Amino acid sequence: MRGKILIVDDQKDMCDILVLMLADEGYQTFSALSGRSALNRIKKEKPDLVLLDIKMPRMDGIEALKRIKEIDKNIVVVMITGYGTPDTAREAMRLGAFDYVTKPLDINLIRAIISDALGEKKR
């Protein structure tokens, strides 16, 4: 197993696609459809990396990022969004996100970022 990855997106189709794609790459994958359920999964599953959508109802990705870092500051978080702005990207990075990618997702870019992030974490 190459690592545990939690995918957090309020769009179930996006979660399902990423879960299957990353499982095929040898990662242990699981998903959450909201910030709150993501926090519960993080406490139980202790993932190495979280792919976290920014635009979600109730608890957005920025708030979820803050809370994830309170749970475990060593979890690598990569933000994903269809509504990227430079201000949001800067805020996410300031709060400890490893990287920031926009939808539609480039699968090869996601693979490279995950590989870099988990390699960095091991160092």
PDB file of N, CA and C in Angstrom:
ATOM      1  N   MET A   1       0.839  -1.188   0.000  1.00  0.00           N
ATOM      2  CA  MET A   1       0.000   0.000   0.000  1.00  0.00           C
ATOM      3  C   MET A   1       0.880   1.247   0.000  1.00  0.00           C
ATOM      4  N   ARG A   2       0.515   2.206  -0.828  1.00  0.00           N
ATOM      5  CA  ARG A   2       1.332   3.412  -0.997  1.00  0.00           C
ATOM      6  C   ARG A   2       0.957   4.533  -0.043  1.00  0.00           C
ATOM      7  N   GLY A   3      -0.161   4.411   0.659  1.00  0.00           N
ATOM      8  CA  GLY A   3      -0.610   5.460   1.570  1.00  0.00           C
ATOM      9  C   GLY A   3      -2.125   5.500   1.611  1.00  0.00           C
ATOM     10  N   LYS A   4      -2.648   6.170   2.632  1.00  0.00           N
ATOM     11  CA  LYS A   4      -4.093   6.299   2.808  1.00  0.00           C
ATOM     12  C   LYS A   4      -4.522   7.700   2.389  1.00  0.00           C
ATOM     13  N   ILE A   5      -5.525   7.759   1.518  1.00  0.00           N
ATOM     14  CA  ILE A   5      -6.003   9.038   0.998  1.00  0.00           C
ATOM     15  C   ILE A   5      -7.501   9.172   1.224  1.00  0.00           C
ATOM     16  N   LEU A   6      -7.880  10.318   1.799  1.00  0.00           N
ATOM     17  CA  LEU A   6      -9.279  10.678   1.963  1.00  0.00           C
ATOM     18  C   LEU A   6      -9.638  11.718   0.914  1.00  0.00           C
ATOM     19  N   ILE A   7     -10.705  11.454   0.158  1.00  0.00           N
ATOM     20  CA  ILE A   7     -11.212  12.411  -0.830  1.00  0.00           C
ATOM     21  C   ILE A   7     -12.470  13.040  -0.247  1.00  0.00           C
ATOM     22  N   VAL A   8     -12.491  14.384  -0.202  1.00  0.00           N
ATOM     23  CA  VAL A   8     -13.625  15.107   0.376  1.00  0.00           C
ATOM     24  C   VAL A   8     -14.193  16.041  -0.689  1.00  0.00           C
ATOM     25  N   ASP A   9     -15.411  15.749  -1.119  1.00  0.00           N
ATOM     26  CA  ASP A   9     -16.086  16.572  -2.127  1.00  0.00           C
ATOM     27  C   ASP A   9     -17.579  16.332  -1.974  1.00  0.00           C
ATOM     28  N   ASP A  10     -18.374  17.396  -2.071  1.00  0.00           N
ATOM     29  CA  ASP A  10     -19.819  17.225  -1.931  1.00  0.00           C
ATOM     30  C   ASP A  10     -20.452  16.624  -3.186  1.00  0.00           C
ATOM     31  N   GLN A  11     -19.668  16.469  -4.244  1.00  0.00           N
ATOM     32  CA  GLN A  11     -20.157  15.808  -5.465  1.00  0.00           C
ATOM     33  C   GLN A  11     -19.737  14.335  -5.413  1.00  0.00           C
ATOM     34  N   LYS A  12     -20.707  13.461  -5.199  1.00  0.00           N
ATOM     35  CA  LYS A  12     -20.422  12.029  -5.044  1.00  0.00           C
ATOM     36  C   LYS A  12     -19.684  11.450  -6.252  1.00  0.00           C
ATOM     37  N   ASP A  13     -20.057  11.878  -7.462  1.00  0.00           N
ATOM     38  CA  ASP A  13     -19.388  11.371  -8.670  1.00  0.00           C
ATOM     39  C   ASP A  13     -17.893  11.674  -8.645  1.00  0.00           C
ATOM     40  N   MET A  14     -17.532  12.883  -8.217  1.00  0.00           N
ATOM     41  CA  MET A  14     -16.116  13.263  -8.144  1.00  0.00           C
ATOM     42  C   MET A  14     -15.386  12.372  -7.145  1.00  0.00           C
ATOM     43  N   CYS A  15     -15.997  12.139  -5.983  1.00  0.00           N
ATOM     44  CA  CYS A  15     -15.393  11.256  -4.982  1.00  0.00           C
ATOM     45  C   CYS A  15     -15.197   9.852  -5.544  1.00  0.00           C
ATOM     46  N   ASP A  16     -16.239   9.319  -6.171  1.00  0.00           N
ATOM     47  CA  ASP A  16     -16.178   7.954  -6.695  1.00  0.00           C
ATOM     48  C   ASP A  16     -15.069   7.796  -7.729  1.00  0.00           C
ATOM     49  N   ILE A  17     -14.952   8.760  -8.637  1.00  0.00           N
ATOM     50  CA  ILE A  17     -13.916   8.702  -9.679  1.00  0.00           C
ATOM     51  C   ILE A  17     -12.528   8.709  -9.050  1.00  0.00           C
ATOM     52  N   LEU A  18     -12.299   9.640  -8.133  1.00  0.00           N
ATOM     53  CA  LEU A  18     -10.983   9.742  -7.504  1.00  0.00           C
ATOM     54  C   LEU A  18     -10.667   8.524  -6.637  1.00  0.00           C
ATOM     55  N   VAL A  19     -11.663   8.009  -5.914  1.00  0.00           N
ATOM     56  CA  VAL A  19     -11.451   6.814  -5.098  1.00  0.00           C
ATOM     57  C   VAL A  19     -10.990   5.654  -5.980  1.00  0.00           C
ATOM     58  N   LEU A  20     -11.684   5.423  -7.090  1.00  0.00           N
ATOM     59  CA  LEU A  20     -11.327   4.309  -7.983  1.00  0.00           C
ATOM     60  C   LEU A  20      -9.966   4.520  -8.641  1.00  0.00           C
ATOM     61  N   MET A  21      -9.731   5.719  -9.148  1.00  0.00           N
ATOM     62  CA  MET A  21      -8.472   6.003  -9.824  1.00  0.00           C
ATOM     63  C   MET A  21      -7.279   5.824  -8.880  1.00  0.00           C
ATOM     64  N   LEU A  22      -7.381   6.358  -7.673  1.00  0.00           N
ATOM     65  CA  LEU A  22      -6.267   6.274  -6.735  1.00  0.00           C
ATOM     66  C   LEU A  22      -6.106   4.881  -6.147  1.00  0.00           C
ATOM     67  N   ALA A  23      -7.212   4.149  -6.010  1.00  0.00           N
ATOM     68  CA  ALA A  23      -7.119   2.751  -5.567  1.00  0.00           C
ATOM     69  C   ALA A  23      -6.366   1.930  -6.617  1.00  0.00           C
ATOM     70  N   ASP A  24      -6.622   2.209  -7.899  1.00  0.00           N
ATOM     71  CA  ASP A  24      -5.897   1.525  -8.983  1.00  0.00           C
ATOM     72  C   ASP A  24      -4.401   1.824  -8.937  1.00  0.00           C
ATOM     73  N   GLU A  25      -4.036   2.972  -8.365  1.00  0.00           N
ATOM     74  CA  GLU A  25      -2.625   3.364  -8.239  1.00  0.00           C
ATOM     75  C   GLU A  25      -1.969   2.721  -7.010  1.00  0.00           C
ATOM     76  N   GLY A  26      -2.756   1.984  -6.212  1.00  0.00           N
ATOM     77  CA  GLY A  26      -2.204   1.299  -5.054  1.00  0.00           C
ATOM     78  C   GLY A  26      -2.415   2.002  -3.723  1.00  0.00           C
ATOM     79  N   TYR A  27      -3.202   3.077  -3.721  1.00  0.00           N
ATOM     80  CA  TYR A  27      -3.498   3.776  -2.470  1.00  0.00           C
ATOM     81  C   TYR A  27      -4.728   3.173  -1.811  1.00  0.00           C
ATOM     82  N   GLN A  28      -4.774   3.234  -0.487  1.00  0.00           N
ATOM     83  CA  GLN A  28      -5.990   2.888   0.250  1.00  0.00           C
ATOM     84  C   GLN A  28      -6.834   4.159   0.267  1.00  0.00           C
ATOM     85  N   THR A  29      -8.023   4.103  -0.315  1.00  0.00           N
ATOM     86  CA  THR A  29      -8.826   5.312  -0.482  1.00  0.00           C
ATOM     87  C   THR A  29     -10.181   5.199   0.200  1.00  0.00           C
ATOM     88  N   PHE A  30     -10.676   6.329   0.649  1.00  0.00           N
ATOM     89  CA  PHE A  30     -12.013   6.426   1.191  1.00  0.00           C
ATOM     90  C   PHE A  30     -12.474   7.857   0.989  1.00  0.00           C
ATOM     91  N   SER A  31     -13.780   8.098   1.159  1.00  0.00           N
ATOM     92  CA  SER A  31     -14.304   9.427   0.831  1.00  0.00           C
ATOM     93  C   SER A  31     -15.269   9.936   1.888  1.00  0.00           C
ATOM     94  N   ALA A  32     -15.515  11.236   1.800  1.00  0.00           N
ATOM     95  CA  ALA A  32     -16.500  11.910   2.640  1.00  0.00           C
ATOM     96  C   ALA A  32     -17.167  12.970   1.783  1.00  0.00           C
ATOM     97  N   LEU A  33     -18.458  13.183   2.008  1.00  0.00           N
ATOM     98  CA  LEU A  33     -19.227  14.124   1.195  1.00  0.00           C
ATOM     99  C   LEU A  33     -19.430  15.487   1.866  1.00  0.00           C
ATOM    100  N   SER A  34     -18.811  15.679   3.045  1.00  0.00           N
ATOM    101  CA  SER A  34     -18.931  16.964   3.742  1.00  0.00           C
ATOM    102  C   SER A  34     -17.716  17.164   4.640  1.00  0.00           C
ATOM    103  N   GLY A  35     -17.515  18.412   5.033  1.00  0.00           N
ATOM    104  CA  GLY A  35     -16.421  18.716   5.947  1.00  0.00           C
ATOM    105  C   GLY A  35     -16.556  17.988   7.271  1.00  0.00           C
ATOM    106  N   ARG A  36     -17.757  17.987   7.810  1.00  0.00           N
ATOM    107  CA  ARG A  36     -17.991  17.342   9.105  1.00  0.00           C
ATOM    108  C   ARG A  36     -17.708  15.841   9.042  1.00  0.00           C
ATOM    109  N   SER A  37     -18.215  15.164   8.009  1.00  0.00           N
ATOM    110  CA  SER A  37     -17.952  13.718   7.914  1.00  0.00           C
ATOM    111  C   SER A  37     -16.474  13.460   7.642  1.00  0.00           C
ATOM    112  N   ALA A  38     -15.805  14.382   6.961  1.00  0.00           N
ATOM    113  CA  ALA A  38     -14.355  14.244   6.739  1.00  0.00           C
ATOM    114  C   ALA A  38     -13.604  14.251   8.064  1.00  0.00           C
ATOM    115  N   LEU A  39     -13.972  15.149   8.958  1.00  0.00           N
ATOM    116  CA  LEU A  39     -13.299  15.220  10.264  1.00  0.00           C
ATOM    117  C   LEU A  39     -13.471  13.921  11.043  1.00  0.00           C
ATOM    118  N   ASN A  40     -14.659  13.334  10.973  1.00  0.00           N
ATOM    119  CA  ASN A  40     -14.895  12.049  11.640  1.00  0.00           C
ATOM    120  C   ASN A  40     -14.042  10.948  11.020  1.00  0.00           C
ATOM    121  N   ARG A  41     -13.978  10.914   9.677  1.00  0.00           N
ATOM    122  CA  ARG A  41     -13.176   9.884   8.988  1.00  0.00           C
ATOM    123  C   ARG A  41     -11.692  10.043   9.318  1.00  0.00           C
ATOM    124  N   ILE A  42     -11.235  11.287   9.419  1.00  0.00           N
ATOM    125  CA  ILE A  42      -9.816  11.543   9.725  1.00  0.00           C
ATOM    126  C   ILE A  42      -9.468  10.991  11.104  1.00  0.00           C
ATOM    127  N   LYS A  43     -10.339  11.210  12.063  1.00  0.00           N
ATOM    128  CA  LYS A  43     -10.082  10.698  13.417  1.00  0.00           C
ATOM    129  C   LYS A  43     -10.025   9.177  13.441  1.00  0.00           C
ATOM    130  N   LYS A  44     -10.870   8.512  12.645  1.00  0.00           N
ATOM    131  CA  LYS A  44     -10.922   7.042  12.616  1.00  0.00           C
ATOM    132  C   LYS A  44      -9.822   6.440  11.744  1.00  0.00           C
ATOM    133  N   GLU A  45      -9.660   6.974  10.529  1.00  0.00           N
ATOM    134  CA  GLU A  45      -8.817   6.340   9.515  1.00  0.00           C
ATOM    135  C   GLU A  45      -7.359   6.816   9.506  1.00  0.00           C
ATOM    136  N   LYS A  46      -7.109   8.029  10.026  1.00  0.00           N
ATOM    137  CA  LYS A  46      -5.769   8.619  10.046  1.00  0.00           C
ATOM    138  C   LYS A  46      -5.095   8.578   8.668  1.00  0.00           C
ATOM    139  N   PRO A  47      -5.648   9.301   7.695  1.00  0.00           N
ATOM    140  CA  PRO A  47      -5.071   9.288   6.343  1.00  0.00           C
ATOM    141  C   PRO A  47      -3.716  10.004   6.299  1.00  0.00           C
ATOM    142  N   ASP A  48      -2.949   9.673   5.273  1.00  0.00           N
ATOM    143  CA  ASP A  48      -1.680  10.364   5.030  1.00  0.00           C
ATOM    144  C   ASP A  48      -1.925  11.659   4.268  1.00  0.00           C
ATOM    145  N   LEU A  49      -2.982  11.659   3.441  1.00  0.00           N
ATOM    146  CA  LEU A  49      -3.250  12.795   2.571  1.00  0.00           C
ATOM    147  C   LEU A  49      -4.758  12.979   2.410  1.00  0.00           C
ATOM    148  N   VAL A  50      -5.174  14.238   2.317  1.00  0.00           N
ATOM    149  CA  VAL A  50      -6.578  14.567   2.088  1.00  0.00           C
ATOM    150  C   VAL A  50      -6.676  15.432   0.841  1.00  0.00           C
ATOM    151  N   LEU A  51      -7.514  15.014  -0.115  1.00  0.00           N
ATOM    152  CA  LEU A  51      -7.879  15.855  -1.255  1.00  0.00           C
ATOM    153  C   LEU A  51      -9.173  16.533  -0.838  1.00  0.00           C
ATOM    154  N   LEU A  52      -9.155  17.849  -0.692  1.00  0.00           N
ATOM    155  CA  LEU A  52     -10.245  18.566  -0.047  1.00  0.00           C
ATOM    156  C   LEU A  52     -10.824  19.646  -0.954  1.00  0.00           C
ATOM    157  N   ASP A  53     -12.100  19.486  -1.299  1.00  0.00           N
ATOM    158  CA  ASP A  53     -12.796  20.490  -2.099  1.00  0.00           C
ATOM    159  C   ASP A  53     -13.019  21.738  -1.251  1.00  0.00           C
ATOM    160  N   ILE A  54     -12.907  22.900  -1.864  1.00  0.00           N
ATOM    161  CA  ILE A  54     -13.111  24.148  -1.122  1.00  0.00           C
ATOM    162  C   ILE A  54     -14.587  24.505  -1.016  1.00  0.00           C
ATOM    163  N   LYS A  55     -15.316  24.377  -2.108  1.00  0.00           N
ATOM    164  CA  LYS A  55     -16.707  24.843  -2.154  1.00  0.00           C
ATOM    165  C   LYS A  55     -17.644  23.717  -1.748  1.00  0.00           C
ATOM    166  N   MET A  56     -18.068  23.731  -0.473  1.00  0.00           N
ATOM    167  CA  MET A  56     -19.014  22.736   0.035  1.00  0.00           C
ATOM    168  C   MET A  56     -20.018  23.443   0.939  1.00  0.00           C
ATOM    169  N   PRO A  57     -21.239  22.905   1.027  1.00  0.00           N
ATOM    170  CA  PRO A  57     -22.230  23.523   1.917  1.00  0.00           C
ATOM    171  C   PRO A  57     -21.854  23.344   3.396  1.00  0.00           C
ATOM    172  N   ARG A  58     -22.417  24.175   4.228  1.00  0.00           N
ATOM    173  CA  ARG A  58     -22.218  24.183   5.680  1.00  0.00           C
ATOM    174  C   ARG A  58     -20.775  24.475   6.073  1.00  0.00           C
ATOM    175  N   MET A  59     -19.871  23.513   5.991  1.00  0.00           N
ATOM    176  CA  MET A  59     -18.468  23.744   6.326  1.00  0.00           C
ATOM    177  C   MET A  59     -17.655  23.723   5.038  1.00  0.00           C
ATOM    178  N   ASP A  60     -17.107  24.877   4.642  1.00  0.00           N
ATOM    179  CA  ASP A  60     -16.317  24.904   3.406  1.00  0.00           C
ATOM    180  C   ASP A  60     -14.934  24.299   3.642  1.00  0.00           C
ATOM    181  N   GLY A  61     -14.187  24.145   2.558  1.00  0.00           N
ATOM    182  CA  GLY A  61     -12.880  23.508   2.637  1.00  0.00           C
ATOM    183  C   GLY A  61     -11.866  24.268   3.465  1.00  0.00           C
ATOM    184  N   ILE A  62     -11.940  25.593   3.476  1.00  0.00           N
ATOM    185  CA  ILE A  62     -11.000  26.385   4.277  1.00  0.00           C
ATOM    186  C   ILE A  62     -11.220  26.107   5.769  1.00  0.00           C
ATOM    187  N   GLU A  63     -12.475  26.096   6.190  1.00  0.00           N
ATOM    188  CA  GLU A  63     -12.782  25.782   7.599  1.00  0.00           C
ATOM    189  C   GLU A  63     -12.379  24.343   7.922  1.00  0.00           C
ATOM    190  N   ALA A  64     -12.670  23.415   7.001  1.00  0.00           N
ATOM    191  CA  ALA A  64     -12.289  22.009   7.212  1.00  0.00           C
ATOM    192  C   ALA A  64     -10.767  21.884   7.317  1.00  0.00           C
ATOM    193  N   LEU A  65     -10.025  22.617   6.482  1.00  0.00           N
ATOM    194  CA  LEU A  65      -8.559  22.600   6.526  1.00  0.00           C
ATOM    195  C   LEU A  65      -8.061  23.027   7.911  1.00  0.00           C
ATOM    196  N   LYS A  66      -8.609  24.117   8.433  1.00  0.00           N
ATOM    197  CA  LYS A  66      -8.222  24.586   9.775  1.00  0.00           C
ATOM    198  C   LYS A  66      -8.424  23.486  10.807  1.00  0.00           C
ATOM    199  N   ARG A  67      -9.576  22.825  10.751  1.00  0.00           N
ATOM    200  CA  ARG A  67      -9.897  21.793  11.741  1.00  0.00           C
ATOM    201  C   ARG A  67      -9.056  20.533  11.555  1.00  0.00           C
ATOM    202  N   ILE A  68      -8.759  20.188  10.302  1.00  0.00           N
ATOM    203  CA  ILE A  68      -7.896  19.033  10.036  1.00  0.00           C
ATOM    204  C   ILE A  68      -6.530  19.271  10.665  1.00  0.00           C
ATOM    205  N   LYS A  69      -5.991  20.462  10.479  1.00  0.00           N
ATOM    206  CA  LYS A  69      -4.667  20.785  11.019  1.00  0.00           C
ATOM    207  C   LYS A  69      -4.676  20.811  12.551  1.00  0.00           C
ATOM    208  N   GLU A  70      -5.837  21.099  13.156  1.00  0.00           N
ATOM    209  CA  GLU A  70      -5.958  21.017  14.619  1.00  0.00           C
ATOM    210  C   GLU A  70      -5.926  19.557  15.079  1.00  0.00           C
ATOM    211  N   ILE A  71      -6.515  18.668  14.287  1.00  0.00           N
ATOM    212  CA  ILE A  71      -6.525  17.239  14.613  1.00  0.00           C
ATOM    213  C   ILE A  71      -5.123  16.658  14.472  1.00  0.00           C
ATOM    214  N   ASP A  72      -4.480  16.952  13.327  1.00  0.00           N
ATOM    215  CA  ASP A  72      -3.135  16.419  13.049  1.00  0.00           C
ATOM    216  C   ASP A  72      -2.444  17.342  12.058  1.00  0.00           C
ATOM    217  N   LYS A  73      -1.491  18.109  12.534  1.00  0.00           N
ATOM    218  CA  LYS A  73      -0.816  19.081  11.665  1.00  0.00           C
ATOM    219  C   LYS A  73       0.041  18.417  10.584  1.00  0.00           C
ATOM    220  N   ASN A  74       0.300  17.108  10.719  1.00  0.00           N
ATOM    221  CA  ASN A  74       1.138  16.403   9.745  1.00  0.00           C
ATOM    222  C   ASN A  74       0.376  15.812   8.565  1.00  0.00           C
ATOM    223  N   ILE A  75      -0.961  15.835   8.614  1.00  0.00           N
ATOM    224  CA  ILE A  75      -1.732  15.331   7.474  1.00  0.00           C
ATOM    225  C   ILE A  75      -1.513  16.289   6.306  1.00  0.00           C
ATOM    226  N   VAL A  76      -1.174  15.728   5.154  1.00  0.00           N
ATOM    227  CA  VAL A  76      -0.980  16.533   3.948  1.00  0.00           C
ATOM    228  C   VAL A  76      -2.349  16.813   3.337  1.00  0.00           C
ATOM    229  N   VAL A  77      -2.625  18.092   3.052  1.00  0.00           N
ATOM    230  CA  VAL A  77      -3.917  18.468   2.474  1.00  0.00           C
ATOM    231  C   VAL A  77      -3.683  19.161   1.139  1.00  0.00           C
ATOM    232  N   VAL A  78      -4.346  18.656   0.098  1.00  0.00           N
ATOM    233  CA  VAL A  78      -4.327  19.261  -1.228  1.00  0.00           C
ATOM    234  C   VAL A  78      -5.733  19.771  -1.506  1.00  0.00           C
ATOM    235  N   MET A  79      -5.844  21.056  -1.747  1.00  0.00           N
ATOM    236  CA  MET A  79      -7.145  21.683  -1.992  1.00  0.00           C
ATOM    237  C   MET A  79      -7.532  21.516  -3.464  1.00  0.00           C
ATOM    238  N   ILE A  80      -8.822  21.244  -3.715  1.00  0.00           N
ATOM    239  CA  ILE A  80      -9.332  21.179  -5.083  1.00  0.00           C
ATOM    240  C   ILE A  80     -10.574  22.062  -5.189  1.00  0.00           C
ATOM    241  N   THR A  81     -10.707  22.728  -6.322  1.00  0.00           N
ATOM    242  CA  THR A  81     -11.874  23.585  -6.487  1.00  0.00           C
ATOM    243  C   THR A  81     -12.154  23.902  -7.943  1.00  0.00           C
ATOM    244  N   GLY A  82     -13.388  24.179  -8.199  1.00  0.00           N
ATOM    245  CA  GLY A  82     -13.802  24.661  -9.514  1.00  0.00           C
ATOM    246  C   GLY A  82     -13.918  26.171  -9.526  1.00  0.00           C
ATOM    247  N   TYR A  83     -13.696  26.790  -8.372  1.00  0.00           N
ATOM    248  CA  TYR A  83     -13.900  28.229  -8.225  1.00  0.00           C
ATOM    249  C   TYR A  83     -12.657  28.894  -7.655  1.00  0.00           C
ATOM    250  N   GLY A  84     -11.503  28.565  -8.218  1.00  0.00           N
ATOM    251  CA  GLY A  84     -10.256  29.056  -7.660  1.00  0.00           C
ATOM    252  C   GLY A  84     -10.031  30.547  -7.855  1.00  0.00           C
ATOM    253  N   THR A  85      -9.569  31.186  -6.798  1.00  0.00           N
ATOM    254  CA  THR A  85      -9.130  32.574  -6.880  1.00  0.00           C
ATOM    255  C   THR A  85      -7.758  32.651  -6.223  1.00  0.00           C
ATOM    256  N   PRO A  86      -6.942  33.615  -6.629  1.00  0.00           N
ATOM    257  CA  PRO A  86      -5.626  33.752  -5.991  1.00  0.00           C
ATOM    258  C   PRO A  86      -5.723  33.959  -4.476  1.00  0.00           C
ATOM    259  N   ASP A  87      -6.729  34.709  -4.012  1.00  0.00           N
ATOM    260  CA  ASP A  87      -6.885  34.935  -2.569  1.00  0.00           C
ATOM    261  C   ASP A  87      -7.170  33.637  -1.828  1.00  0.00           C
ATOM    262  N   THR A  88      -8.038  32.808  -2.396  1.00  0.00           N
ATOM    263  CA  THR A  88      -8.370  31.533  -1.762  1.00  0.00           C
ATOM    264  C   THR A  88      -7.144  30.626  -1.726  1.00  0.00           C
ATOM    265  N   ALA A  89      -6.397  30.599  -2.812  1.00  0.00           N
ATOM    266  CA  ALA A  89      -5.181  29.782  -2.872  1.00  0.00           C
ATOM    267  C   ALA A  89      -4.177  30.235  -1.809  1.00  0.00           C
ATOM    268  N   ARG A  90      -3.974  31.538  -1.708  1.00  0.00           N
ATOM    269  CA  ARG A  90      -3.043  32.062  -0.693  1.00  0.00           C
ATOM    270  C   ARG A  90      -3.505  31.708   0.715  1.00  0.00           C
ATOM    271  N   GLU A  91      -4.795  31.844   0.978  1.00  0.00           N
ATOM    272  CA  GLU A  91      -5.340  31.523   2.296  1.00  0.00           C
ATOM    273  C   GLU A  91      -5.126  30.044   2.626  1.00  0.00           C
ATOM    274  N   ALA A  92      -5.410  29.173   1.661  1.00  0.00           N
ATOM    275  CA  ALA A  92      -5.225  27.734   1.874  1.00  0.00           C
ATOM    276  C   ALA A  92      -3.762  27.411   2.162  1.00  0.00           C
ATOM    277  N   MET A  93      -2.855  27.997   1.418  1.00  0.00           N
ATOM    278  CA  MET A  93      -1.427  27.743   1.620  1.00  0.00           C
ATOM    279  C   MET A  93      -0.976  28.290   2.980  1.00  0.00           C
ATOM    280  N   ARG A  94      -1.474  29.449   3.357  1.00  0.00           N
ATOM    281  CA  ARG A  94      -1.134  30.050   4.651  1.00  0.00           C
ATOM    282  C   ARG A  94      -1.581  29.144   5.803  1.00  0.00           C
ATOM    283  N   LEU A  95      -2.701  28.465   5.607  1.00  0.00           N
ATOM    284  CA  LEU A  95      -3.242  27.578   6.636  1.00  0.00           C
ATOM    285  C   LEU A  95      -2.615  26.186   6.629  1.00  0.00           C
ATOM    286  N   GLY A  96      -1.698  25.936   5.704  1.00  0.00           N
ATOM    287  CA  GLY A  96      -0.970  24.672   5.724  1.00  0.00           C
ATOM    288  C   GLY A  96      -1.273  23.698   4.609  1.00  0.00           C
ATOM    289  N   ALA A  97      -2.055  24.116   3.600  1.00  0.00           N
ATOM    290  CA  ALA A  97      -2.285  23.218   2.458  1.00  0.00           C
ATOM    291  C   ALA A  97      -0.971  22.987   1.722  1.00  0.00           C
ATOM    292  N   PHE A  98      -0.780  21.787   1.216  1.00  0.00           N
ATOM    293  CA  PHE A  98       0.439  21.458   0.475  1.00  0.00           C
ATOM    294  C   PHE A  98       0.391  22.048  -0.932  1.00  0.00           C
ATOM    295  N   ASP A  99      -0.793  21.999  -1.545  1.00  0.00           N
ATOM    296  CA  ASP A  99      -0.945  22.498  -2.916  1.00  0.00           C
ATOM    297  C   ASP A  99      -2.419  22.782  -3.164  1.00  0.00           C
ATOM    298  N   TYR A 100      -2.698  23.252  -4.382  1.00  0.00           N
ATOM    299  CA  TYR A 100      -4.017  23.752  -4.738  1.00  0.00           C
ATOM    300  C   TYR A 100      -4.216  23.464  -6.218  1.00  0.00           C
ATOM    301  N   VAL A 101      -5.249  22.722  -6.573  1.00  0.00           N
ATOM    302  CA  VAL A 101      -5.521  22.432  -7.988  1.00  0.00           C
ATOM    303  C   VAL A 101      -6.966  22.776  -8.326  1.00  0.00           C
ATOM    304  N   THR A 102      -7.189  23.124  -9.600  1.00  0.00           N
ATOM    305  CA  THR A 102      -8.528  23.516 -10.024  1.00  0.00           C
ATOM    306  C   THR A 102      -9.169  22.437 -10.889  1.00  0.00           C
ATOM    307  N   LYS A 103     -10.502  22.399 -10.835  1.00  0.00           N
ATOM    308  CA  LYS A 103     -11.293  21.520 -11.696  1.00  0.00           C
ATOM    309  C   LYS A 103     -11.475  22.216 -13.045  1.00  0.00           C
ATOM    310  N   PRO A 104     -11.632  21.481 -14.124  1.00  0.00           N
ATOM    311  CA  PRO A 104     -11.575  20.018 -14.177  1.00  0.00           C
ATOM    312  C   PRO A 104     -10.171  19.527 -13.835  1.00  0.00           C
ATOM    313  N   LEU A 105     -10.125  18.435 -13.086  1.00  0.00           N
ATOM    314  CA  LEU A 105      -8.853  17.926 -12.600  1.00  0.00           C
ATOM    315  C   LEU A 105      -8.076  17.240 -13.711  1.00  0.00           C
ATOM    316  N   ASP A 106      -6.791  17.512 -13.731  1.00  0.00           N
ATOM    317  CA  ASP A 106      -5.853  16.829 -14.621  1.00  0.00           C
ATOM    318  C   ASP A 106      -5.321  15.637 -13.817  1.00  0.00           C
ATOM    319  N   ILE A 107      -5.702  14.442 -14.222  1.00  0.00           N
ATOM    320  CA  ILE A 107      -5.363  13.233 -13.457  1.00  0.00           C
ATOM    321  C   ILE A 107      -3.854  13.076 -13.301  1.00  0.00           C
ATOM    322  N   ASN A 108      -3.100  13.367 -14.347  1.00  0.00           N
ATOM    323  CA  ASN A 108      -1.641  13.249 -14.245  1.00  0.00           C
ATOM    324  C   ASN A 108      -1.066  14.246 -13.248  1.00  0.00           C
ATOM    325  N   LEU A 109      -1.633  15.450 -13.209  1.00  0.00           N
ATOM    326  CA  LEU A 109      -1.199  16.453 -12.239  1.00  0.00           C
ATOM    327  C   LEU A 109      -1.520  15.991 -10.817  1.00  0.00           C
ATOM    328  N   ILE A 110      -2.716  15.441 -10.612  1.00  0.00           N
ATOM    329  CA  ILE A 110      -3.099  14.925  -9.294  1.00  0.00           C
ATOM    330  C   ILE A 110      -2.122  13.829  -8.855  1.00  0.00           C
ATOM    331  N   ARG A 111      -1.822  12.906  -9.756  1.00  0.00           N
ATOM    332  CA  ARG A 111      -0.871  11.827  -9.431  1.00  0.00           C
ATOM    333  C   ARG A 111       0.474  12.402  -9.006  1.00  0.00           C
ATOM    334  N   ALA A 112       0.965  13.378  -9.767  1.00  0.00           N
ATOM    335  CA  ALA A 112       2.272  13.975  -9.471  1.00  0.00           C
ATOM    336  C   ALA A 112       2.265  14.705  -8.128  1.00  0.00           C
ATOM    337  N   ILE A 113       1.211  15.451  -7.861  1.00  0.00           N
ATOM    338  CA  ILE A 113       1.122  16.192  -6.595  1.00  0.00           C
ATOM    339  C   ILE A 113       1.064  15.218  -5.413  1.00  0.00           C
ATOM    340  N   ILE A 114       0.268  14.156  -5.536  1.00  0.00           N
ATOM    341  CA  ILE A 114       0.173  13.176  -4.461  1.00  0.00           C
ATOM    342  C   ILE A 114       1.524  12.505  -4.230  1.00  0.00           C
ATOM    343  N   SER A 115       2.174  12.121  -5.299  1.00  0.00           N
ATOM    344  CA  SER A 115       3.486  11.490  -5.192  1.00  0.00           C
ATOM    345  C   SER A 115       4.489  12.428  -4.515  1.00  0.00           C
ATOM    346  N   ASP A 116       4.501  13.702  -4.939  1.00  0.00           N
ATOM    347  CA  ASP A 116       5.400  14.695  -4.323  1.00  0.00           C
ATOM    348  C   ASP A 116       5.055  14.900  -2.851  1.00  0.00           C
ATOM    349  N   ALA A 117       3.768  15.034  -2.558  1.00  0.00           N
ATOM    350  CA  ALA A 117       3.334  15.311  -1.191  1.00  0.00           C
ATOM    351  C   ALA A 117       3.698  14.163  -0.247  1.00  0.00           C
ATOM    352  N   LEU A 118       3.432  12.939  -0.670  1.00  0.00           N
ATOM    353  CA  LEU A 118       3.727  11.808   0.199  1.00  0.00           C
ATOM    354  C   LEU A 118       5.227  11.552   0.297  1.00  0.00           C
ATOM    355  N   GLY A 119       5.963  11.836  -0.775  1.00  0.00           N
ATOM    356  CA  GLY A 119       7.427  11.740  -0.729  1.00  0.00           C
ATOM    357  C   GLY A 119       8.007  12.757   0.233  1.00  0.00           C
ATOM    358  N   GLU A 120       7.477  13.962   0.192  1.00  0.00           N
ATOM    359  CA  GLU A 120       7.903  15.036   1.103  1.00  0.00           C
ATOM    360  C   GLU A 120       7.602  14.661   2.553  1.00  0.00           C
ATOM    361  N   LYS A 121       6.446  14.059   2.785  1.00  0.00           N
ATOM    362  CA  LYS A 121       6.041  13.690   4.146  1.00  0.00           C
ATOM    363  C   LYS A 121       6.998  12.643   4.715  1.00  0.00           C
ATOM    364  N   LYS A 122       7.434  11.700   3.878  1.00  0.00           N
ATOM    365  CA  LYS A 122       8.341  10.655   4.347  1.00  0.00           C
ATOM    366  C   LYS A 122       9.692  11.237   4.749  1.00  0.00           C
ATOM    367  N   ARG A 123      10.105  12.297   4.039  1.00  0.00           N
ATOM    368  CA  ARG A 123      11.385  12.943   4.380  1.00  0.00           C
ATOM    369  C   ARG A 123      11.227  13.671   5.668  1.00  0.00           C
TER     370      ARG A 123
END
